[in-house]
Amino acid sequence: MSKSNIIKAHFALFATHVIYAANHFIAKGIMPEKINPTPFVFFRVLGAGLIFWFIKLFVKEKIEKKDIFRLMLCGLFGASCNQLFFFHGLSLTSPIDTSIIMTSAPAVVFILSMIVLKEKANKYKILGLAIGASGAIGLVWYGQVAEGTSSFLGNLFVFMNVLFYSLYQVTVKPLMKKYHFITIISWVFLFGLLFVIPFGMNDVLYNTDYDLFDFSTYMVIAYVIVFTTFLTFLFNIYALRQVSPSVAGSYTYVQPAVSFVIVFILSMLLNDNTYNEDVNWIKITSCLLVIIGVYLISMKPKTFS
C-alpha cells in the first residue's frame, strides 16, 4: 500500500463528507417549496441507479439466488427507507442538526454489529456508546422544545435514516467479500427503486408542479444524484480499500465542522444573522458528545493500555 494511495484515500473521505455537509443545505433549499421529499428520493434513486447500471454493463458478474433476499434487504435499508427518512427529516429540521446527528452513524453501526455480527464490546466502547447516545438523544429532544429551525420530528427522522443506513452497512458486509461493489450497488438501487415506487409514483405523476422547476432546481437534483450519491459511494469504496473502517468512520466529524463554516459564510455573504442563530451551545455540546463517543468506540483496546 503506497503512501500516495493513502493520501488519496484521505482526500476522498474528506471530499465525501464535504459533499454530504453541503448537501444538507443544497437539498433543503428546494424542499418543500419546489419539490416534496418523496419524489425527490424517487429521482435520486432512479438517477443514481441508471448510472450504476450503465457501469454494470462492463462488469460481467451474476448474483447467486441465495443472495437475492439479502440484496432486497440492502435495497430496502440502504436506498429506500434511509433516503425517505433523510429527505423528510431534512425538510423539517436544520442542516446543522442533520449534520450533527449523522455523526452518530459509527456508534449505531457498532451497536448493530454487536447484535447481528456478534462483535465484542469493552468498557471503553460501552462508555463511548453512552456518551455518544446522550449527545444524539439530547439533540433530538432539543428539537421538541426549541423555537426556530430545529424540529423533534425532523431530527427523529434523520436519526431513523442513520439507523436504516447502519442496518444496510451491516447487511451488505458479507456481500462485499463476494461480489464486485458495482454489482452490489446496482442491485441495491434497483430494489430500492422498487420499494420507493409505491410511496413516490403518485407524487411524481400527479402531486409535483413541474412548472415551479427552474434551472437551479434541476441543478440541485443533479447534484444530489451525481455528487451526493454516485461520487460519494465511489469515494467511500476507494477509501475503504486503503484505510480501516474506523478511520473512514472518523471522517463523519467533518460534516458538522463544514456545516458550521457554511453557516458562517452564508451569514457573511447574505448579511443575515438567521444562519448564525442556528448554532448554539446545545448543538455544539451535542456535537462534541457524539464525537467523543464515536472516538472511544473507534479506538483499539491497546490505545488504553
C-alpha atoms as a PDB file:
ATOM      1  CA  MET A   1       0.000   0.000   0.000  1.00  0.00           C
ATOM      2  CA  SER A   2       1.729   3.193  -1.195  1.00  0.00           C
ATOM      3  CA  LYS A   3       1.758   6.465   0.712  1.00  0.00           C
ATOM      4  CA  SER A   4       0.220   8.281  -2.263  1.00  0.00           C
ATOM      5  CA  ASN A   5      -2.772   5.904  -2.252  1.00  0.00           C
ATOM      6  CA  ILE A   6      -3.321   6.526   1.463  1.00  0.00           C
ATOM      7  CA  ILE A   7      -3.206  10.283   0.902  1.00  0.00           C
ATOM      8  CA  LYS A   8      -5.701   9.911  -1.950  1.00  0.00           C
ATOM      9  CA  ALA A   9      -7.944   7.828   0.327  1.00  0.00           C
ATOM     10  CA  HIS A  10      -7.961  10.541   2.992  1.00  0.00           C
ATOM     11  CA  PHE A  11      -8.707  13.155   0.360  1.00  0.00           C
ATOM     12  CA  ALA A  12     -11.581  11.004  -0.945  1.00  0.00           C
ATOM     13  CA  LEU A  13     -13.040  10.659   2.554  1.00  0.00           C
ATOM     14  CA  PHE A  14     -12.717  14.373   3.245  1.00  0.00           C
ATOM     15  CA  ALA A  15     -14.345  15.224  -0.111  1.00  0.00           C
ATOM     16  CA  THR A  16     -17.160  12.753   0.605  1.00  0.00           C
ATOM     17  CA  HIS A  17     -18.176  14.410   3.844  1.00  0.00           C
ATOM     18  CA  VAL A  18     -17.786  17.929   2.458  1.00  0.00           C
ATOM     19  CA  ILE A  19     -20.256  16.883  -0.258  1.00  0.00           C
ATOM     20  CA  TYR A  20     -22.578  15.431   2.380  1.00  0.00           C
ATOM     21  CA  ALA A  21     -22.422  18.583   4.509  1.00  0.00           C
ATOM     22  CA  ALA A  22     -23.087  20.834   1.525  1.00  0.00           C
ATOM     23  CA  ASN A  23     -25.956  18.553   0.513  1.00  0.00           C
ATOM     24  CA  HIS A  24     -27.787  19.349   3.758  1.00  0.00           C
ATOM     25  CA  PHE A  25     -28.038  22.988   2.678  1.00  0.00           C
ATOM     26  CA  ILE A  26     -28.369  22.467  -1.087  1.00  0.00           C
ATOM     27  CA  ALA A  27     -31.134  19.846  -0.973  1.00  0.00           C
ATOM     28  CA  LYS A  28     -33.071  21.676   1.733  1.00  0.00           C
ATOM     29  CA  GLY A  29     -33.042  24.787  -0.460  1.00  0.00           C
ATOM     30  CA  ILE A  30     -35.708  23.387  -2.799  1.00  0.00           C
ATOM     31  CA  MET A  31     -37.838  21.486  -0.257  1.00  0.00           C
ATOM     32  CA  PRO A  32     -40.789  21.680   0.014  1.00  0.00           C
ATOM     33  CA  GLU A  33     -41.344  24.859  -1.989  1.00  0.00           C
ATOM     34  CA  LYS A  34     -40.447  23.287  -5.361  1.00  0.00           C
ATOM     35  CA  ILE A  35     -40.427  19.573  -4.686  1.00  0.00           C
ATOM     36  CA  ASN A  36     -41.584  17.345  -1.852  1.00  0.00           C
ATOM     37  CA  PRO A  37     -39.171  14.876  -0.217  1.00  0.00           C
ATOM     38  CA  THR A  38     -40.719  11.665  -1.586  1.00  0.00           C
ATOM     39  CA  PRO A  39     -40.478  12.496  -5.332  1.00  0.00           C
ATOM     40  CA  PHE A  40     -37.007  13.915  -4.615  1.00  0.00           C
ATOM     41  CA  VAL A  41     -35.985  10.486  -3.297  1.00  0.00           C
ATOM     42  CA  PHE A  42     -37.563   8.832  -6.340  1.00  0.00           C
ATOM     43  CA  PHE A  43     -35.478  10.958  -8.725  1.00  0.00           C
ATOM     44  CA  ARG A  44     -32.344  10.357  -6.678  1.00  0.00           C
ATOM     45  CA  VAL A  45     -32.687   6.564  -6.589  1.00  0.00           C
ATOM     46  CA  LEU A  46     -33.744   6.382 -10.252  1.00  0.00           C
ATOM     47  CA  GLY A  47     -30.963   8.675 -11.487  1.00  0.00           C
ATOM     48  CA  ALA A  48     -28.162   7.068  -9.495  1.00  0.00           C
ATOM     49  CA  GLY A  49     -29.495   3.603 -10.328  1.00  0.00           C
ATOM     50  CA  LEU A  50     -29.307   4.330 -14.072  1.00  0.00           C
ATOM     51  CA  ILE A  51     -25.679   5.469 -13.716  1.00  0.00           C
ATOM     52  CA  PHE A  52     -24.680   2.385 -11.746  1.00  0.00           C
ATOM     53  CA  TRP A  53     -26.468   0.017 -14.136  1.00  0.00           C
ATOM     54  CA  PHE A  54     -24.722   1.650 -17.097  1.00  0.00           C
ATOM     55  CA  ILE A  55     -21.381   0.896 -15.430  1.00  0.00           C
ATOM     56  CA  LYS A  56     -22.664  -2.575 -14.548  1.00  0.00           C
ATOM     57  CA  LEU A  57     -22.798  -3.350 -18.286  1.00  0.00           C
ATOM     58  CA  PHE A  58     -18.994  -3.587 -18.147  1.00  0.00           C
ATOM     59  CA  VAL A  59     -18.956  -5.804 -15.024  1.00  0.00           C
ATOM     60  CA  LYS A  60     -19.915  -9.316 -16.069  1.00  0.00           C
ATOM     61  CA  GLU A  61     -20.992 -10.920 -12.829  1.00  0.00           C
ATOM     62  CA  LYS A  62     -24.090 -12.846 -11.782  1.00  0.00           C
ATOM     63  CA  ILE A  63     -25.776 -12.938  -8.393  1.00  0.00           C
ATOM     64  CA  GLU A  64     -26.475 -16.291  -6.758  1.00  0.00           C
ATOM     65  CA  LYS A  65     -30.150 -16.921  -5.978  1.00  0.00           C
ATOM     66  CA  LYS A  66     -29.445 -17.356  -2.281  1.00  0.00           C
ATOM     67  CA  ASP A  67     -28.178 -13.766  -2.107  1.00  0.00           C
ATOM     68  CA  ILE A  68     -31.227 -12.139  -3.716  1.00  0.00           C
ATOM     69  CA  PHE A  69     -33.116 -11.750  -0.429  1.00  0.00           C
ATOM     70  CA  ARG A  70     -30.133 -10.120   1.273  1.00  0.00           C
ATOM     71  CA  LEU A  71     -29.842  -7.697  -1.659  1.00  0.00           C
ATOM     72  CA  MET A  72     -33.536  -6.905  -1.324  1.00  0.00           C
ATOM     73  CA  LEU A  73     -32.971  -6.035   2.331  1.00  0.00           C
ATOM     74  CA  CYS A  74     -29.999  -3.883   1.321  1.00  0.00           C
ATOM     75  CA  GLY A  75     -32.216  -2.042  -1.156  1.00  0.00           C
ATOM     76  CA  LEU A  76     -34.910  -1.564   1.493  1.00  0.00           C
ATOM     77  CA  PHE A  77     -32.482  -0.306   4.146  1.00  0.00           C
ATOM     78  CA  GLY A  78     -29.858   1.488   2.032  1.00  0.00           C
ATOM     79  CA  ALA A  79     -31.703   3.035  -0.911  1.00  0.00           C
ATOM     80  CA  SER A  80     -35.333   3.299   0.208  1.00  0.00           C
ATOM     81  CA  CYS A  81     -36.150   3.683   3.918  1.00  0.00           C
ATOM     82  CA  ASN A  82     -33.000   5.610   4.792  1.00  0.00           C
ATOM     83  CA  GLN A  83     -33.469   8.074   1.936  1.00  0.00           C
ATOM     84  CA  LEU A  84     -37.172   8.638   2.634  1.00  0.00           C
ATOM     85  CA  PHE A  85     -36.463   9.345   6.307  1.00  0.00           C
ATOM     86  CA  PHE A  86     -33.464  11.544   5.486  1.00  0.00           C
ATOM     87  CA  PHE A  87     -35.193  13.848   3.000  1.00  0.00           C
ATOM     88  CA  HIS A  88     -38.375  14.109   5.058  1.00  0.00           C
ATOM     89  CA  GLY A  89     -36.258  14.866   8.127  1.00  0.00           C
ATOM     90  CA  LEU A  90     -34.101  17.415   6.308  1.00  0.00           C
ATOM     91  CA  SER A  91     -37.213  19.193   5.003  1.00  0.00           C
ATOM     92  CA  LEU A  92     -38.383  19.681   8.600  1.00  0.00           C
ATOM     93  CA  THR A  93     -35.228  20.430  10.557  1.00  0.00           C
ATOM     94  CA  SER A  94     -31.981  22.375  10.422  1.00  0.00           C
ATOM     95  CA  PRO A  95     -28.990  21.379   8.246  1.00  0.00           C
ATOM     96  CA  ILE A  96     -26.840  21.857  11.378  1.00  0.00           C
ATOM     97  CA  ASP A  97     -28.961  19.388  13.349  1.00  0.00           C
ATOM     98  CA  THR A  98     -28.805  16.984  10.420  1.00  0.00           C
ATOM     99  CA  SER A  99     -25.005  17.074  10.185  1.00  0.00           C
ATOM    100  CA  ILE A 100     -24.588  16.514  13.940  1.00  0.00           C
ATOM    101  CA  ILE A 101     -26.988  13.558  14.053  1.00  0.00           C
ATOM    102  CA  MET A 102     -25.203  11.981  11.084  1.00  0.00           C
ATOM    103  CA  THR A 103     -22.011  11.742  13.170  1.00  0.00           C
ATOM    104  CA  SER A 104     -23.729   9.120  15.320  1.00  0.00           C
ATOM    105  CA  ALA A 105     -23.606   6.613  12.424  1.00  0.00           C
ATOM    106  CA  PRO A 106     -20.430   4.763  13.552  1.00  0.00           C
ATOM    107  CA  ALA A 107     -21.948   4.257  17.016  1.00  0.00           C
ATOM    108  CA  VAL A 108     -25.160   2.849  15.552  1.00  0.00           C
ATOM    109  CA  VAL A 109     -23.172   0.559  13.240  1.00  0.00           C
ATOM    110  CA  PHE A 110     -21.231  -0.717  16.253  1.00  0.00           C
ATOM    111  CA  ILE A 111     -24.435  -1.473  18.196  1.00  0.00           C
ATOM    112  CA  LEU A 112     -25.884  -3.381  15.243  1.00  0.00           C
ATOM    113  CA  SER A 113     -22.564  -5.197  14.729  1.00  0.00           C
ATOM    114  CA  MET A 114     -22.710  -6.391  18.345  1.00  0.00           C
ATOM    115  CA  ILE A 115     -26.258  -7.667  17.808  1.00  0.00           C
ATOM    116  CA  VAL A 116     -26.004  -9.093  14.287  1.00  0.00           C
ATOM    117  CA  LEU A 117     -22.317  -9.877  13.806  1.00  0.00           C
ATOM    118  CA  LYS A 118     -21.587 -10.656  17.487  1.00  0.00           C
ATOM    119  CA  GLU A 119     -18.817  -8.064  17.624  1.00  0.00           C
ATOM    120  CA  LYS A 120     -17.283  -7.842  21.104  1.00  0.00           C
ATOM    121  CA  ALA A 121     -17.514  -4.747  23.283  1.00  0.00           C
ATOM    122  CA  ASN A 122     -15.252  -3.493  26.075  1.00  0.00           C
ATOM    123  CA  LYS A 123     -15.833  -0.921  28.806  1.00  0.00           C
ATOM    124  CA  TYR A 124     -14.476   1.930  26.692  1.00  0.00           C
ATOM    125  CA  LYS A 125     -16.805   1.135  23.808  1.00  0.00           C
ATOM    126  CA  ILE A 126     -19.743   0.939  26.235  1.00  0.00           C
ATOM    127  CA  LEU A 127     -18.711   4.300  27.712  1.00  0.00           C
ATOM    128  CA  GLY A 128     -18.428   5.719  24.202  1.00  0.00           C
ATOM    129  CA  LEU A 129     -21.926   4.477  23.364  1.00  0.00           C
ATOM    130  CA  ALA A 130     -23.342   6.118  26.488  1.00  0.00           C
ATOM    131  CA  ILE A 131     -21.642   9.459  25.809  1.00  0.00           C
ATOM    132  CA  GLY A 132     -22.464   9.490  22.106  1.00  0.00           C
ATOM    133  CA  ALA A 133     -26.079   8.462  22.715  1.00  0.00           C
ATOM    134  CA  SER A 134     -26.537  11.267  25.236  1.00  0.00           C
ATOM    135  CA  GLY A 135     -25.423  13.784  22.611  1.00  0.00           C
ATOM    136  CA  ALA A 136     -27.654  12.379  19.834  1.00  0.00           C
ATOM    137  CA  ILE A 137     -30.706  11.910  22.078  1.00  0.00           C
ATOM    138  CA  GLY A 138     -30.195  15.345  23.594  1.00  0.00           C
ATOM    139  CA  LEU A 139     -30.211  16.994  20.176  1.00  0.00           C
ATOM    140  CA  VAL A 140     -33.328  15.103  19.059  1.00  0.00           C
ATOM    141  CA  TRP A 141     -35.075  16.139  22.291  1.00  0.00           C
ATOM    142  CA  TYR A 142     -33.939  19.737  21.843  1.00  0.00           C
ATOM    143  CA  GLY A 143     -35.872  19.821  18.589  1.00  0.00           C
ATOM    144  CA  GLN A 144     -39.073  19.351  20.610  1.00  0.00           C
ATOM    145  CA  VAL A 145     -38.563  22.329  22.936  1.00  0.00           C
ATOM    146  CA  ALA A 146     -36.614  24.697  20.685  1.00  0.00           C
ATOM    147  CA  GLU A 147     -38.044  27.562  18.730  1.00  0.00           C
ATOM    148  CA  GLY A 148     -36.743  28.165  15.220  1.00  0.00           C
ATOM    149  CA  THR A 149     -35.172  25.762  12.752  1.00  0.00           C
ATOM    150  CA  SER A 150     -34.872  22.648  14.931  1.00  0.00           C
ATOM    151  CA  SER A 151     -37.621  20.043  14.806  1.00  0.00           C
ATOM    152  CA  PHE A 152     -38.189  16.995  17.014  1.00  0.00           C
ATOM    153  CA  LEU A 153     -39.877  15.046  14.210  1.00  0.00           C
ATOM    154  CA  GLY A 154     -37.261  16.156  11.678  1.00  0.00           C
ATOM    155  CA  ASN A 155     -34.374  15.191  13.972  1.00  0.00           C
ATOM    156  CA  LEU A 156     -36.048  11.858  14.731  1.00  0.00           C
ATOM    157  CA  PHE A 157     -36.444  11.156  11.007  1.00  0.00           C
ATOM    158  CA  VAL A 158     -32.762  11.950  10.381  1.00  0.00           C
ATOM    159  CA  PHE A 159     -31.785   9.563  13.174  1.00  0.00           C
ATOM    160  CA  MET A 160     -34.040   6.890  11.619  1.00  0.00           C
ATOM    161  CA  ASN A 161     -32.093   7.446   8.398  1.00  0.00           C
ATOM    162  CA  VAL A 162     -28.877   6.757  10.311  1.00  0.00           C
ATOM    163  CA  LEU A 163     -30.424   3.603  11.785  1.00  0.00           C
ATOM    164  CA  PHE A 164     -31.558   2.229   8.424  1.00  0.00           C
ATOM    165  CA  TYR A 165     -28.287   3.054   6.675  1.00  0.00           C
ATOM    166  CA  SER A 166     -26.397   1.359   9.502  1.00  0.00           C
ATOM    167  CA  LEU A 167     -28.605  -1.700   9.037  1.00  0.00           C
ATOM    168  CA  TYR A 168     -27.643  -1.581   5.355  1.00  0.00           C
ATOM    169  CA  GLN A 169     -23.920  -1.460   6.185  1.00  0.00           C
ATOM    170  CA  VAL A 170     -24.200  -4.494   8.458  1.00  0.00           C
ATOM    171  CA  THR A 171     -26.417  -6.403   5.994  1.00  0.00           C
ATOM    172  CA  VAL A 172     -24.231  -5.712   2.945  1.00  0.00           C
ATOM    173  CA  LYS A 173     -20.933  -6.607   4.638  1.00  0.00           C
ATOM    174  CA  PRO A 174     -20.962 -10.351   3.721  1.00  0.00           C
ATOM    175  CA  LEU A 175     -21.767  -9.476   0.092  1.00  0.00           C
ATOM    176  CA  MET A 176     -18.833  -7.077  -0.196  1.00  0.00           C
ATOM    177  CA  LYS A 177     -16.465 -10.010   0.243  1.00  0.00           C
ATOM    178  CA  LYS A 178     -18.166 -11.980  -2.506  1.00  0.00           C
ATOM    179  CA  TYR A 179     -19.105  -9.605  -5.343  1.00  0.00           C
ATOM    180  CA  HIS A 180     -17.761  -6.562  -7.169  1.00  0.00           C
ATOM    181  CA  PHE A 181     -19.057  -3.382  -5.498  1.00  0.00           C
ATOM    182  CA  ILE A 182     -20.674  -2.160  -8.746  1.00  0.00           C
ATOM    183  CA  THR A 183     -22.678  -5.390  -8.920  1.00  0.00           C
ATOM    184  CA  ILE A 184     -23.889  -4.910  -5.356  1.00  0.00           C
ATOM    185  CA  ILE A 185     -24.808  -1.241  -5.573  1.00  0.00           C
ATOM    186  CA  SER A 186     -26.581  -1.729  -8.915  1.00  0.00           C
ATOM    187  CA  TRP A 187     -28.893  -4.321  -7.409  1.00  0.00           C
ATOM    188  CA  VAL A 188     -29.289  -2.290  -4.219  1.00  0.00           C
ATOM    189  CA  PHE A 189     -30.558   0.699  -6.197  1.00  0.00           C
ATOM    190  CA  LEU A 190     -32.801  -1.463  -8.371  1.00  0.00           C
ATOM    191  CA  PHE A 191     -34.523  -2.980  -5.343  1.00  0.00           C
ATOM    192  CA  GLY A 192     -34.508   0.411  -3.638  1.00  0.00           C
ATOM    193  CA  LEU A 193     -36.384   1.894  -6.582  1.00  0.00           C
ATOM    194  CA  LEU A 194     -38.959  -0.903  -6.448  1.00  0.00           C
ATOM    195  CA  PHE A 195     -39.586  -0.105  -2.779  1.00  0.00           C
ATOM    196  CA  VAL A 196     -39.764   3.663  -3.389  1.00  0.00           C
ATOM    197  CA  ILE A 197     -42.235   3.436  -6.303  1.00  0.00           C
ATOM    198  CA  PRO A 198     -45.331   2.690  -4.137  1.00  0.00           C
ATOM    199  CA  PHE A 199     -44.578   5.766  -1.995  1.00  0.00           C
ATOM    200  CA  GLY A 200     -43.373   8.150  -4.678  1.00  0.00           C
ATOM    201  CA  MET A 201     -45.018   7.411  -8.012  1.00  0.00           C
ATOM    202  CA  ASN A 202     -48.289   9.169  -7.214  1.00  0.00           C
ATOM    203  CA  ASP A 203     -46.413  12.311  -6.142  1.00  0.00           C
ATOM    204  CA  VAL A 204     -44.142  12.155  -9.189  1.00  0.00           C
ATOM    205  CA  LEU A 205     -47.066  11.886 -11.623  1.00  0.00           C
ATOM    206  CA  TYR A 206     -49.796  13.973 -10.012  1.00  0.00           C
ATOM    207  CA  ASN A 207     -48.643  15.983  -6.980  1.00  0.00           C
ATOM    208  CA  THR A 208     -45.498  17.687  -8.264  1.00  0.00           C
ATOM    209  CA  ASP A 209     -45.845  21.053 -10.001  1.00  0.00           C
ATOM    210  CA  TYR A 210     -43.111  20.916 -12.619  1.00  0.00           C
ATOM    211  CA  ASP A 211     -43.925  24.493 -13.673  1.00  0.00           C
ATOM    212  CA  LEU A 212     -42.147  25.574 -10.477  1.00  0.00           C
ATOM    213  CA  PHE A 213     -38.919  23.905 -11.587  1.00  0.00           C
ATOM    214  CA  ASP A 214     -36.234  26.283 -12.797  1.00  0.00           C
ATOM    215  CA  PHE A 215     -32.586  25.791 -13.772  1.00  0.00           C
ATOM    216  CA  SER A 216     -31.440  25.797 -10.124  1.00  0.00           C
ATOM    217  CA  THR A 217     -33.970  23.080  -9.256  1.00  0.00           C
ATOM    218  CA  TYR A 218     -32.589  20.747 -11.908  1.00  0.00           C
ATOM    219  CA  MET A 219     -29.025  21.587 -10.817  1.00  0.00           C
ATOM    220  CA  VAL A 220     -29.837  20.655  -7.205  1.00  0.00           C
ATOM    221  CA  ILE A 221     -31.382  17.339  -8.268  1.00  0.00           C
ATOM    222  CA  ALA A 222     -28.343  16.664 -10.476  1.00  0.00           C
ATOM    223  CA  TYR A 223     -26.000  17.498  -7.579  1.00  0.00           C
ATOM    224  CA  VAL A 224     -27.797  15.025  -5.306  1.00  0.00           C
ATOM    225  CA  ILE A 225     -27.684  12.272  -7.948  1.00  0.00           C
ATOM    226  CA  VAL A 226     -24.136  12.754  -9.256  1.00  0.00           C
ATOM    227  CA  PHE A 227     -22.251  14.083  -6.246  1.00  0.00           C
ATOM    228  CA  THR A 228     -24.149  13.096  -3.084  1.00  0.00           C
ATOM    229  CA  THR A 229     -24.982   9.607  -4.342  1.00  0.00           C
ATOM    230  CA  PHE A 230     -22.735   8.417  -7.185  1.00  0.00           C
ATOM    231  CA  LEU A 231     -19.374  10.056  -6.432  1.00  0.00           C
ATOM    232  CA  THR A 232     -19.528   9.697  -2.652  1.00  0.00           C
ATOM    233  CA  PHE A 233     -20.167   5.983  -2.967  1.00  0.00           C
ATOM    234  CA  LEU A 234     -17.191   5.549  -5.284  1.00  0.00           C
ATOM    235  CA  PHE A 235     -15.019   7.683  -2.967  1.00  0.00           C
ATOM    236  CA  ASN A 236     -16.037   5.578   0.038  1.00  0.00           C
ATOM    237  CA  ILE A 237     -15.320   2.301  -1.719  1.00  0.00           C
ATOM    238  CA  TYR A 238     -11.902   3.532  -2.889  1.00  0.00           C
ATOM    239  CA  ALA A 239     -11.024   4.779   0.594  1.00  0.00           C
ATOM    240  CA  LEU A 240     -12.084   1.570   2.339  1.00  0.00           C
ATOM    241  CA  ARG A 241      -9.607  -0.333   0.180  1.00  0.00           C
ATOM    242  CA  GLN A 242      -6.774   1.816   1.598  1.00  0.00           C
ATOM    243  CA  VAL A 243      -7.758   2.580   5.214  1.00  0.00           C
ATOM    244  CA  SER A 244      -9.652   0.837   8.010  1.00  0.00           C
ATOM    245  CA  PRO A 245     -13.418   1.281   8.562  1.00  0.00           C
ATOM    246  CA  SER A 246     -12.718   3.068  11.865  1.00  0.00           C
ATOM    247  CA  VAL A 247     -10.580   5.645  10.063  1.00  0.00           C
ATOM    248  CA  ALA A 248     -13.254   6.090   7.400  1.00  0.00           C
ATOM    249  CA  GLY A 249     -15.919   6.425  10.088  1.00  0.00           C
ATOM    250  CA  SER A 250     -13.991   9.149  11.877  1.00  0.00           C
ATOM    251  CA  TYR A 251     -14.472  11.433   8.885  1.00  0.00           C
ATOM    252  CA  THR A 252     -18.133  11.872   9.834  1.00  0.00           C
ATOM    253  CA  TYR A 253     -16.777  14.533  12.207  1.00  0.00           C
ATOM    254  CA  VAL A 254     -16.108  16.666   9.129  1.00  0.00           C
ATOM    255  CA  GLN A 255     -19.830  17.188   8.476  1.00  0.00           C
ATOM    256  CA  PRO A 256     -20.747  19.427  11.440  1.00  0.00           C
ATOM    257  CA  ALA A 257     -17.467  21.335  11.106  1.00  0.00           C
ATOM    258  CA  VAL A 258     -18.163  22.053   7.422  1.00  0.00           C
ATOM    259  CA  SER A 259     -21.781  22.919   8.264  1.00  0.00           C
ATOM    260  CA  PHE A 260     -20.629  25.496  10.821  1.00  0.00           C
ATOM    261  CA  VAL A 261     -18.307  27.004   8.174  1.00  0.00           C
ATOM    262  CA  ILE A 262     -21.137  27.101   5.613  1.00  0.00           C
ATOM    263  CA  VAL A 263     -23.396  28.852   8.133  1.00  0.00           C
ATOM    264  CA  PHE A 264     -20.687  31.450   8.788  1.00  0.00           C
ATOM    265  CA  ILE A 265     -20.123  32.055   5.059  1.00  0.00           C
ATOM    266  CA  LEU A 266     -23.841  32.345   4.326  1.00  0.00           C
ATOM    267  CA  SER A 267     -24.361  34.788   7.189  1.00  0.00           C
ATOM    268  CA  MET A 268     -21.494  36.937   5.875  1.00  0.00           C
ATOM    269  CA  LEU A 269     -22.486  36.833   2.204  1.00  0.00           C
ATOM    270  CA  LEU A 270     -26.195  37.370   2.791  1.00  0.00           C
ATOM    271  CA  ASN A 271     -25.762  39.630   5.833  1.00  0.00           C
ATOM    272  CA  ASP A 272     -28.376  37.501   7.590  1.00  0.00           C
ATOM    273  CA  ASN A 273     -27.900  36.530  11.255  1.00  0.00           C
ATOM    274  CA  THR A 274     -30.635  33.916  10.963  1.00  0.00           C
ATOM    275  CA  TYR A 275     -27.992  31.399   9.920  1.00  0.00           C
ATOM    276  CA  ASN A 276     -25.826  32.185  12.960  1.00  0.00           C
ATOM    277  CA  GLU A 277     -28.824  31.703  15.252  1.00  0.00           C
ATOM    278  CA  ASP A 278     -28.911  28.079  14.114  1.00  0.00           C
ATOM    279  CA  VAL A 279     -25.659  27.455  16.034  1.00  0.00           C
ATOM    280  CA  ASN A 280     -25.882  27.480  19.828  1.00  0.00           C
ATOM    281  CA  TRP A 281     -24.190  25.890  22.829  1.00  0.00           C
ATOM    282  CA  ILE A 282     -26.676  22.991  22.998  1.00  0.00           C
ATOM    283  CA  LYS A 283     -25.897  21.940  19.425  1.00  0.00           C
ATOM    284  CA  ILE A 284     -22.153  22.399  19.900  1.00  0.00           C
ATOM    285  CA  THR A 285     -22.245  20.360  23.142  1.00  0.00           C
ATOM    286  CA  SER A 286     -24.300  17.608  21.482  1.00  0.00           C
ATOM    287  CA  CYS A 287     -21.814  17.523  18.615  1.00  0.00           C
ATOM    288  CA  LEU A 288     -18.834  17.204  20.995  1.00  0.00           C
ATOM    289  CA  LEU A 289     -20.545  14.411  22.978  1.00  0.00           C
ATOM    290  CA  VAL A 290     -21.244  12.415  19.800  1.00  0.00           C
ATOM    291  CA  ILE A 291     -17.666  12.906  18.552  1.00  0.00           C
ATOM    292  CA  ILE A 292     -16.162  11.837  21.899  1.00  0.00           C
ATOM    293  CA  GLY A 293     -18.444   8.801  21.976  1.00  0.00           C
ATOM    294  CA  VAL A 294     -17.563   7.693  18.459  1.00  0.00           C
ATOM    295  CA  TYR A 295     -13.867   8.287  19.194  1.00  0.00           C
ATOM    296  CA  LEU A 296     -13.998   5.924  22.191  1.00  0.00           C
ATOM    297  CA  ILE A 297     -15.875   3.315  20.155  1.00  0.00           C
ATOM    298  CA  SER A 298     -13.351   3.501  17.307  1.00  0.00           C
ATOM    299  CA  MET A 299     -10.233   3.179  19.436  1.00  0.00           C
ATOM    300  CA  LYS A 300      -8.448  -0.138  19.676  1.00  0.00           C
ATOM    301  CA  PRO A 301      -8.104  -1.669  23.179  1.00  0.00           C
ATOM    302  CA  LYS A 302      -4.314  -1.224  23.199  1.00  0.00           C
ATOM    303  CA  THR A 303      -4.842   2.537  22.995  1.00  0.00           C
ATOM    304  CA  PHE A 304      -5.982   2.469  26.603  1.00  0.00           C
ATOM    305  CA  SER A 305      -3.311   0.127  27.986  1.00  0.00           C
END
